[in-house]
């Protein structure tokens, strides 16, 4: 997928929802760290990071008053939010995107291991592997990000998020994905993402070509 197109779409997503800028950096870097740890070749890394950056592209089609609502969504509003994976998938197809890892991640990142996710209620191995891992990344980031209803960030929020991932392992989440993400965090290899790409940080504009220039700390 053309990095210029990725950049353009990310900019559109950020203009739609200003809270997504730091979120994009974090989920891309978490995805890259997990992929490198799993031994994915460099040739596949770009598709993984592009998919992570564009996972919420379908939210371009969600009305602003729902997407940016500070209060709890109504059941009707939540049903509208739930169309964004299909909408994002269709959006990328219209743009001529054919990269299967990217399309799979956009379409299936809200599916659950136990089959209770959306949009299709896929279960277990029916869910593409990348989407299974990304579901853990996306949830961890949501649980450690500033929200209108939650201001806790940093180590305390991370510990609470890891506990929630552990509680959902085998039901909401693919167990191996929870284990892999938790292992990297415990090794200190994700600290820099949590602390230096937080919601209060002054971040550079996201560009896919810049991701590969950032070193991944190792211990």
Protein backbone atom coordinates (compact mmCIF):
# COMPACT_ATOMS: atom_id res chain seq x y z
CA UNK A 1 0.00 0.00 0.00
CA UNK A 2 1.29 3.43 -0.93
CA UNK A 3 2.67 5.20 2.20
CA UNK A 4 1.35 8.51 0.85
CA UNK A 5 -2.18 7.10 0.85
CA UNK A 6 -1.70 5.78 4.39
CA UNK A 7 -0.50 9.22 5.49
CA UNK A 8 -3.46 10.95 3.84
CA UNK A 9 -5.97 8.62 5.47
CA UNK A 10 -4.37 8.95 8.91
CA UNK A 11 -4.55 12.74 8.59
CA UNK A 12 -8.25 12.47 7.74
CA UNK A 13 -8.86 10.24 10.76
CA UNK A 14 -7.01 12.68 13.02
CA UNK A 15 -9.02 15.63 11.73
CA UNK A 16 -12.19 13.66 12.40
CA UNK A 17 -11.13 12.80 15.95
CA UNK A 18 -8.20 14.77 17.40
CA UNK A 19 -7.72 12.22 20.19
CA UNK A 20 -6.43 9.64 17.69
CA UNK A 21 -2.99 11.15 16.97
CA UNK A 22 -1.14 9.62 19.92
CA UNK A 23 -3.29 6.49 19.65
CA UNK A 24 -2.07 5.90 16.10
CA UNK A 25 1.59 6.14 17.10
CA UNK A 26 1.12 3.80 20.05
CA UNK A 27 -0.80 1.02 18.34
CA UNK A 28 1.60 1.05 15.39
CA UNK A 29 4.63 0.78 17.68
CA UNK A 30 3.03 -1.92 19.82
CA UNK A 31 2.17 -3.88 16.66
CA UNK A 32 5.68 -3.48 15.32
CA UNK A 33 7.22 -4.66 18.59
CA UNK A 34 5.02 -7.77 18.71
CA UNK A 35 5.68 -8.58 15.06
CA UNK A 36 9.44 -8.23 15.47
CA UNK A 37 9.36 -10.37 18.60
CA UNK A 38 7.44 -13.05 16.67
CA UNK A 39 10.10 -13.03 13.95
CA UNK A 40 8.07 -11.52 11.14
CA UNK A 41 10.32 -10.63 8.20
CA UNK A 42 10.97 -7.02 7.32
CA UNK A 43 9.06 -7.53 4.07
CA UNK A 44 5.84 -8.05 6.05
CA UNK A 45 6.39 -5.31 8.61
CA UNK A 46 5.05 -2.51 6.45
CA UNK A 47 1.68 -4.19 5.95
CA UNK A 48 1.39 -4.81 9.68
CA UNK A 49 2.10 -1.19 10.57
CA UNK A 50 -0.16 0.14 7.82
CA UNK A 51 -3.02 -2.01 9.07
CA UNK A 52 -2.49 -0.80 12.64
CA UNK A 53 -2.45 2.84 11.53
CA UNK A 54 -5.65 2.44 9.53
CA UNK A 55 -7.64 0.14 11.80
CA UNK A 56 -10.22 2.84 12.57
CA UNK A 57 -10.49 4.32 9.07
CA UNK A 58 -14.17 3.36 9.09
CA UNK A 59 -14.82 5.98 11.75
CA UNK A 60 -14.61 8.56 8.97
CA UNK A 61 -18.21 7.53 8.26
CA UNK A 62 -19.45 7.87 11.85
CA UNK A 63 -21.31 11.12 12.66
CA UNK A 64 -19.24 13.52 14.78
CA UNK A 65 -21.87 13.83 17.50
CA UNK A 66 -21.60 10.10 18.15
CA UNK A 67 -17.86 9.67 17.67
CA UNK A 68 -16.98 12.56 19.99
CA UNK A 69 -19.76 12.13 22.52
CA UNK A 70 -18.28 12.44 26.05
CA UNK A 71 -21.14 10.58 27.71
CA UNK A 72 -22.11 6.92 27.44
CA UNK A 73 -23.48 5.97 24.04
CA UNK A 74 -27.08 4.89 23.72
CA UNK A 75 -27.71 1.36 22.40
CA UNK A 76 -28.69 2.88 19.05
CA UNK A 77 -25.50 4.96 18.89
CA UNK A 78 -23.39 1.95 19.78
CA UNK A 79 -24.91 0.01 16.90
CA UNK A 80 -23.81 2.82 14.58
CA UNK A 81 -20.27 2.71 16.00
CA UNK A 82 -20.19 -1.03 15.33
CA UNK A 83 -20.43 -0.50 11.57
CA UNK A 84 -16.96 1.07 11.38
CA UNK A 85 -14.99 -2.15 10.65
CA UNK A 86 -17.17 -2.94 7.62
CA UNK A 87 -17.23 0.70 6.56
CA UNK A 88 -13.43 0.92 6.80
CA UNK A 89 -12.99 -2.28 4.81
CA UNK A 90 -15.27 -0.96 2.07
CA UNK A 91 -13.48 2.39 2.10
CA UNK A 92 -10.11 0.73 1.47
CA UNK A 93 -11.53 -1.50 -1.28
CA UNK A 94 -12.86 1.59 -3.05
CA UNK A 95 -9.36 3.05 -2.94
CA UNK A 96 -7.96 -0.06 -4.57
CA UNK A 97 -6.27 -1.52 -1.49
CA UNK A 98 -5.66 -5.24 -1.95
CA UNK A 99 -3.22 -6.03 0.88
CA UNK A 100 -4.91 -8.85 2.78
CA UNK A 101 -3.17 -8.26 6.17
CA UNK A 102 -4.34 -4.63 6.13
CA UNK A 103 -7.90 -5.45 5.08
CA UNK A 104 -8.18 -8.28 7.62
CA UNK A 105 -7.02 -6.13 10.49
CA UNK A 106 -9.44 -3.31 9.61
CA UNK A 107 -12.40 -5.66 9.20
CA UNK A 108 -11.85 -8.07 12.09
CA UNK A 109 -10.13 -6.17 14.92
CA UNK A 110 -13.32 -6.11 17.03
CA UNK A 111 -14.00 -9.83 16.78
CA UNK A 112 -13.62 -11.78 20.03
CA UNK A 113 -12.01 -15.14 20.70
CA UNK A 114 -15.28 -16.41 22.19
CA UNK A 115 -17.37 -15.34 19.19
CA UNK A 116 -19.15 -12.45 20.92
CA UNK A 117 -17.45 -9.67 18.94
CA UNK A 118 -18.48 -7.81 15.80
CA UNK A 119 -19.17 -7.40 12.92
CA UNK A 120 -19.53 -11.13 12.15
CA UNK A 121 -19.21 -12.94 15.46
CA UNK A 122 -16.21 -14.97 14.28
CA UNK A 123 -14.76 -17.32 16.87
CA UNK A 124 -11.30 -18.68 17.66
CA UNK A 125 -9.23 -19.62 14.62
CA UNK A 126 -11.85 -18.15 12.31
CA UNK A 127 -10.38 -14.74 13.19
CA UNK A 128 -7.25 -13.86 11.18
CA UNK A 129 -4.12 -14.02 13.31
CA UNK A 130 -3.19 -10.35 12.95
CA UNK A 131 -6.62 -9.23 14.11
CA UNK A 132 -6.41 -11.52 17.16
CA UNK A 133 -3.18 -9.87 18.25
CA UNK A 134 -4.34 -6.38 17.40
CA UNK A 135 -7.46 -6.76 19.57
CA UNK A 136 -5.13 -7.03 22.59
CA UNK A 137 -3.09 -3.99 21.50
CA UNK A 138 -6.18 -1.87 20.87
CA UNK A 139 -7.74 -2.76 24.21
CA UNK A 140 -4.55 -2.12 26.16
CA UNK A 141 -4.17 1.28 24.55
CA UNK A 142 -7.79 2.22 25.21
CA UNK A 143 -7.36 1.26 28.87
CA UNK A 144 -4.19 3.35 29.27
CA UNK A 145 -5.35 6.46 27.39
CA UNK A 146 -6.95 9.62 28.72
CA UNK A 147 -10.71 9.61 28.27
CA UNK A 148 -13.43 12.03 29.42
CA UNK A 149 -14.37 9.45 32.06
CA UNK A 150 -10.80 8.41 33.02
CA UNK A 151 -7.63 10.39 33.64
CA UNK A 152 -5.36 7.65 34.98
CA UNK A 153 -2.32 6.92 32.80
CA UNK A 154 1.15 5.50 33.32
CA UNK A 155 2.18 2.44 35.30
CA UNK A 156 -0.93 2.17 37.45
CA UNK A 157 -3.19 2.25 34.39
CA UNK A 158 -0.92 -0.25 32.63
CA UNK A 159 -1.10 -2.71 35.52
CA UNK A 160 -4.88 -2.43 35.60
CA UNK A 161 -5.01 -2.93 31.83
CA UNK A 162 -2.80 -6.02 31.98
CA UNK A 163 -5.02 -7.45 34.70
CA UNK A 164 -8.08 -6.89 32.50
CA UNK A 165 -6.37 -8.55 29.54
CA UNK A 166 -5.48 -11.54 31.73
CA UNK A 167 -9.09 -11.77 32.93
CA UNK A 168 -10.29 -11.83 29.34
CA UNK A 169 -7.72 -14.31 28.06
CA UNK A 170 -9.49 -17.28 26.50
CA UNK A 171 -12.82 -15.47 26.29
CA UNK A 172 -12.47 -11.99 24.84
CA UNK A 173 -8.83 -12.38 23.78
CA UNK A 174 -6.60 -14.92 22.06
CA UNK A 175 -4.53 -16.35 24.94
CA UNK A 176 -1.22 -16.37 23.06
CA UNK A 177 -1.67 -12.71 22.15
CA UNK A 178 -2.23 -11.75 25.80
CA UNK A 179 0.81 -13.78 26.82
CA UNK A 180 3.03 -12.25 24.14
CA UNK A 181 1.98 -8.66 24.85
CA UNK A 182 2.28 -9.08 28.62
CA UNK A 183 5.68 -10.70 28.23
CA UNK A 184 7.05 -7.80 26.20
CA UNK A 185 5.65 -5.31 28.68
CA UNK A 186 7.21 -7.13 31.64
CA UNK A 187 10.56 -7.12 29.85
CA UNK A 188 10.38 -3.32 29.65
CA UNK A 189 10.27 -3.31 25.88
CA UNK A 190 7.05 -1.30 25.61
CA UNK A 191 7.72 1.29 28.32
CA UNK A 192 8.91 3.91 25.86
CA UNK A 193 5.62 3.73 23.95
CA UNK A 194 3.54 4.19 27.07
CA UNK A 195 5.64 7.06 28.42
CA UNK A 196 6.86 8.96 25.36
CA UNK A 197 3.86 8.66 23.06
CA UNK A 198 1.23 9.56 25.64
CA UNK A 199 -1.76 11.85 25.17
CA UNK A 200 0.05 14.82 26.69
CA UNK A 201 3.18 14.50 24.54
CA UNK A 202 3.99 16.84 21.66
CA UNK A 203 4.20 14.25 18.91
CA UNK A 204 5.42 14.63 15.35
CA UNK A 205 2.87 14.16 12.61
CA UNK A 206 2.40 10.47 11.96
CA UNK A 207 3.97 9.23 8.76
CA UNK A 208 4.45 5.54 7.95
CA UNK A 209 7.97 6.07 6.62
CA UNK A 210 9.04 7.43 10.02
CA UNK A 211 8.08 4.30 11.95
CA UNK A 212 10.99 2.23 10.78
CA UNK A 213 13.47 4.88 11.90
CA UNK A 214 12.46 4.58 15.56
CA UNK A 215 14.63 2.12 17.50
CA UNK A 216 12.96 -0.51 19.64
CA UNK A 217 14.60 -0.68 23.07
CA UNK A 218 15.76 -4.10 24.22
CA UNK A 219 16.75 -5.49 27.60
